[in-house]
């Protein structure tokens, strides 16, 4: 049994060296959900029956994109609900199209936002990643995003962590 991760940088950083990492670039859960198999088709990878797959998307959405789409008509909850719905359609499509029996299908949580991005990046001497909204707003987006991920995982019998 092999464990495979698919996603943004969180699919490649922090995992054991025995895990097959498939870093697809700085891809949004939104983009994955809209472009479906054109953005990520796990059938293109060396996955076998009994393997575990882990999808790792959403951090960039919460850090940079949810905030800019909020208006009088759409709340952050509306925006995230739409992203999650399409994201899970793509996960289910990947599971179906692959025609494999997976040991586990997993969805990785969106990691907590950095409390003070400027101090964090200065401390490590790196360029700050773009972010929109206050720390508190990004925290709300992340908590809600993870709540919805967990609900959808339960609904689809996937593992949320």
Protein backbone atom coordinates (compact mmCIF):
# COMPACT_ATOMS: atom_id res chain seq x y z
CA UNK A 1 0.00 0.00 0.00
CA UNK A 2 1.28 3.43 -0.98
CA UNK A 3 0.03 6.78 0.29
CA UNK A 4 -0.30 9.48 -2.38
CA UNK A 5 -0.84 13.20 -1.75
CA UNK A 6 -2.23 15.56 -4.40
CA UNK A 7 -2.42 19.31 -4.12
CA UNK A 8 -0.73 22.60 -3.43
CA UNK A 9 2.49 22.92 -1.41
CA UNK A 10 0.80 21.23 1.55
CA UNK A 11 0.83 18.02 -0.47
CA UNK A 12 4.62 18.00 -0.56
CA UNK A 13 5.86 19.64 2.64
CA UNK A 14 5.87 17.93 6.01
CA UNK A 15 5.16 14.41 4.82
CA UNK A 16 7.31 11.35 5.46
CA UNK A 17 9.72 10.39 2.69
CA UNK A 18 7.81 7.11 2.15
CA UNK A 19 4.78 9.02 0.85
CA UNK A 20 4.35 9.64 -2.88
CA UNK A 21 3.91 13.39 -3.16
CA UNK A 22 2.22 14.92 -6.19
CA UNK A 23 2.64 18.69 -5.87
CA UNK A 24 0.44 20.14 -8.60
CA UNK A 25 1.48 23.75 -8.02
CA UNK A 26 -0.30 26.69 -6.39
CA UNK A 27 -3.75 25.39 -7.28
CA UNK A 28 -6.92 26.55 -5.60
CA UNK A 29 -9.65 24.20 -4.41
CA UNK A 30 -11.84 26.56 -6.46
CA UNK A 31 -9.86 25.89 -9.66
CA UNK A 32 -9.79 22.16 -9.02
CA UNK A 33 -13.54 22.16 -8.53
CA UNK A 34 -14.22 24.14 -11.70
CA UNK A 35 -11.75 22.37 -14.00
CA UNK A 36 -12.33 18.86 -12.61
CA UNK A 37 -10.17 16.17 -14.26
CA UNK A 38 -8.48 18.73 -16.51
CA UNK A 39 -6.75 20.09 -13.37
CA UNK A 40 -6.14 16.82 -11.51
CA UNK A 41 -6.73 13.33 -12.83
CA UNK A 42 -5.26 10.77 -10.46
CA UNK A 43 -5.52 8.13 -13.21
CA UNK A 44 -2.43 9.76 -14.71
CA UNK A 45 -0.35 8.61 -11.74
CA UNK A 46 0.95 5.23 -10.66
CA UNK A 47 -1.82 4.43 -8.19
CA UNK A 48 -2.91 0.88 -7.48
CA UNK A 49 -5.72 -0.94 -5.71
CA UNK A 50 -5.31 -0.68 -1.95
CA UNK A 51 -3.44 2.65 -2.04
CA UNK A 52 -4.49 5.69 -0.03
CA UNK A 53 -5.05 9.07 -1.65
CA UNK A 54 -4.99 12.42 0.15
CA UNK A 55 -6.26 15.67 -1.37
CA UNK A 56 -4.59 18.85 -0.05
CA UNK A 57 -6.26 21.99 -1.38
CA UNK A 58 -7.86 25.09 0.13
CA UNK A 59 -5.15 27.02 1.98
CA UNK A 60 -4.62 29.48 -0.87
CA UNK A 61 -8.38 29.95 -1.22
CA UNK A 62 -8.69 30.93 2.45
CA UNK A 63 -5.55 33.08 2.49
CA UNK A 64 -6.07 35.01 -0.75
CA UNK A 65 -9.33 34.52 -2.57
CA UNK A 66 -12.41 34.15 -0.40
CA UNK A 67 -12.10 37.69 0.96
CA UNK A 68 -12.09 39.41 -2.44
CA UNK A 69 -15.37 37.78 -3.50
CA UNK A 70 -17.42 38.82 -0.47
CA UNK A 71 -20.06 41.42 -1.25
CA UNK A 72 -23.61 42.33 -0.25
CA UNK A 73 -24.95 39.25 -2.01
CA UNK A 74 -22.29 36.64 -1.16
CA UNK A 75 -20.98 35.95 2.33
CA UNK A 76 -17.78 34.02 2.98
CA UNK A 77 -20.00 31.04 3.86
CA UNK A 78 -21.73 31.18 0.44
CA UNK A 79 -18.38 31.36 -1.33
CA UNK A 80 -16.84 28.51 0.66
CA UNK A 81 -19.96 26.33 0.31
CA UNK A 82 -19.67 26.65 -3.47
CA UNK A 83 -15.95 25.86 -3.43
CA UNK A 84 -16.45 22.78 -1.22
CA UNK A 85 -19.35 21.47 -3.33
CA UNK A 86 -17.27 21.58 -6.53
CA UNK A 87 -14.10 20.34 -4.79
CA UNK A 88 -15.89 17.22 -3.58
CA UNK A 89 -17.49 16.63 -6.97
CA UNK A 90 -13.95 16.52 -8.36
CA UNK A 91 -12.73 14.17 -5.63
CA UNK A 92 -15.67 11.81 -6.25
CA UNK A 93 -15.07 11.99 -10.00
CA UNK A 94 -11.40 11.06 -9.50
CA UNK A 95 -12.35 8.12 -7.28
CA UNK A 96 -14.92 6.88 -9.82
CA UNK A 97 -12.85 7.37 -12.98
CA UNK A 98 -9.79 5.66 -11.50
CA UNK A 99 -11.82 2.43 -11.11
CA UNK A 100 -9.61 1.51 -8.15
CA UNK A 101 -10.48 0.31 -4.68
CA UNK A 102 -8.65 2.64 -2.32
CA UNK A 103 -7.76 1.72 1.22
CA UNK A 104 -8.59 5.32 2.17
CA UNK A 105 -9.68 8.51 0.49
CA UNK A 106 -8.60 11.44 2.65
CA UNK A 107 -8.92 15.21 2.65
CA UNK A 108 -6.30 17.25 4.44
CA UNK A 109 -7.43 20.22 6.46
CA UNK A 110 -6.61 23.81 5.61
CA UNK A 111 -3.78 24.72 7.96
CA UNK A 112 -4.35 27.62 10.37
CA UNK A 113 -3.44 31.06 9.08
CA UNK A 114 -0.33 32.78 10.36
CA UNK A 115 -1.33 35.20 13.14
CA UNK A 116 0.98 38.02 12.09
CA UNK A 117 2.24 37.32 8.56
CA UNK A 118 4.71 40.20 8.41
CA UNK A 119 6.50 39.22 11.64
CA UNK A 120 6.44 35.56 10.61
CA UNK A 121 8.04 36.19 7.25
CA UNK A 122 10.53 38.70 8.64
CA UNK A 123 11.61 36.17 11.27
CA UNK A 124 12.48 33.66 8.56
CA UNK A 125 13.81 36.21 6.07
CA UNK A 126 11.39 35.22 3.33
CA UNK A 127 9.02 37.16 1.08
CA UNK A 128 5.49 37.22 2.45
CA UNK A 129 2.86 35.18 0.69
CA UNK A 130 -0.04 37.27 -0.54
CA UNK A 131 -3.02 37.43 1.79
CA UNK A 132 -6.30 39.32 1.90
CA UNK A 133 -8.44 40.14 4.90
CA UNK A 134 -7.48 40.56 8.51
CA UNK A 135 -5.96 37.73 10.54
CA UNK A 136 -9.32 37.27 12.27
CA UNK A 137 -11.19 37.12 8.96
CA UNK A 138 -8.79 34.55 7.49
CA UNK A 139 -9.16 32.53 10.68
CA UNK A 140 -12.97 32.55 10.20
CA UNK A 141 -12.60 31.44 6.60
CA UNK A 142 -10.25 28.61 7.57
CA UNK A 143 -12.42 27.37 10.44
CA UNK A 144 -15.53 27.39 8.28
CA UNK A 145 -13.71 25.76 5.34
CA UNK A 146 -12.49 22.95 7.62
CA UNK A 147 -15.96 22.53 9.14
CA UNK A 148 -17.40 22.04 5.66
CA UNK A 149 -14.56 19.70 4.63
CA UNK A 150 -15.26 17.55 7.67
CA UNK A 151 -19.01 17.45 6.96
CA UNK A 152 -18.44 16.42 3.34
CA UNK A 153 -15.93 13.77 4.36
CA UNK A 154 -18.45 12.26 6.77
CA UNK A 155 -21.11 12.40 4.06
CA UNK A 156 -18.85 10.59 1.56
CA UNK A 157 -17.14 8.18 3.95
CA UNK A 158 -13.74 9.83 3.46
CA UNK A 159 -11.22 10.57 6.18
CA UNK A 160 -10.80 14.20 7.22
CA UNK A 161 -7.64 15.20 9.04
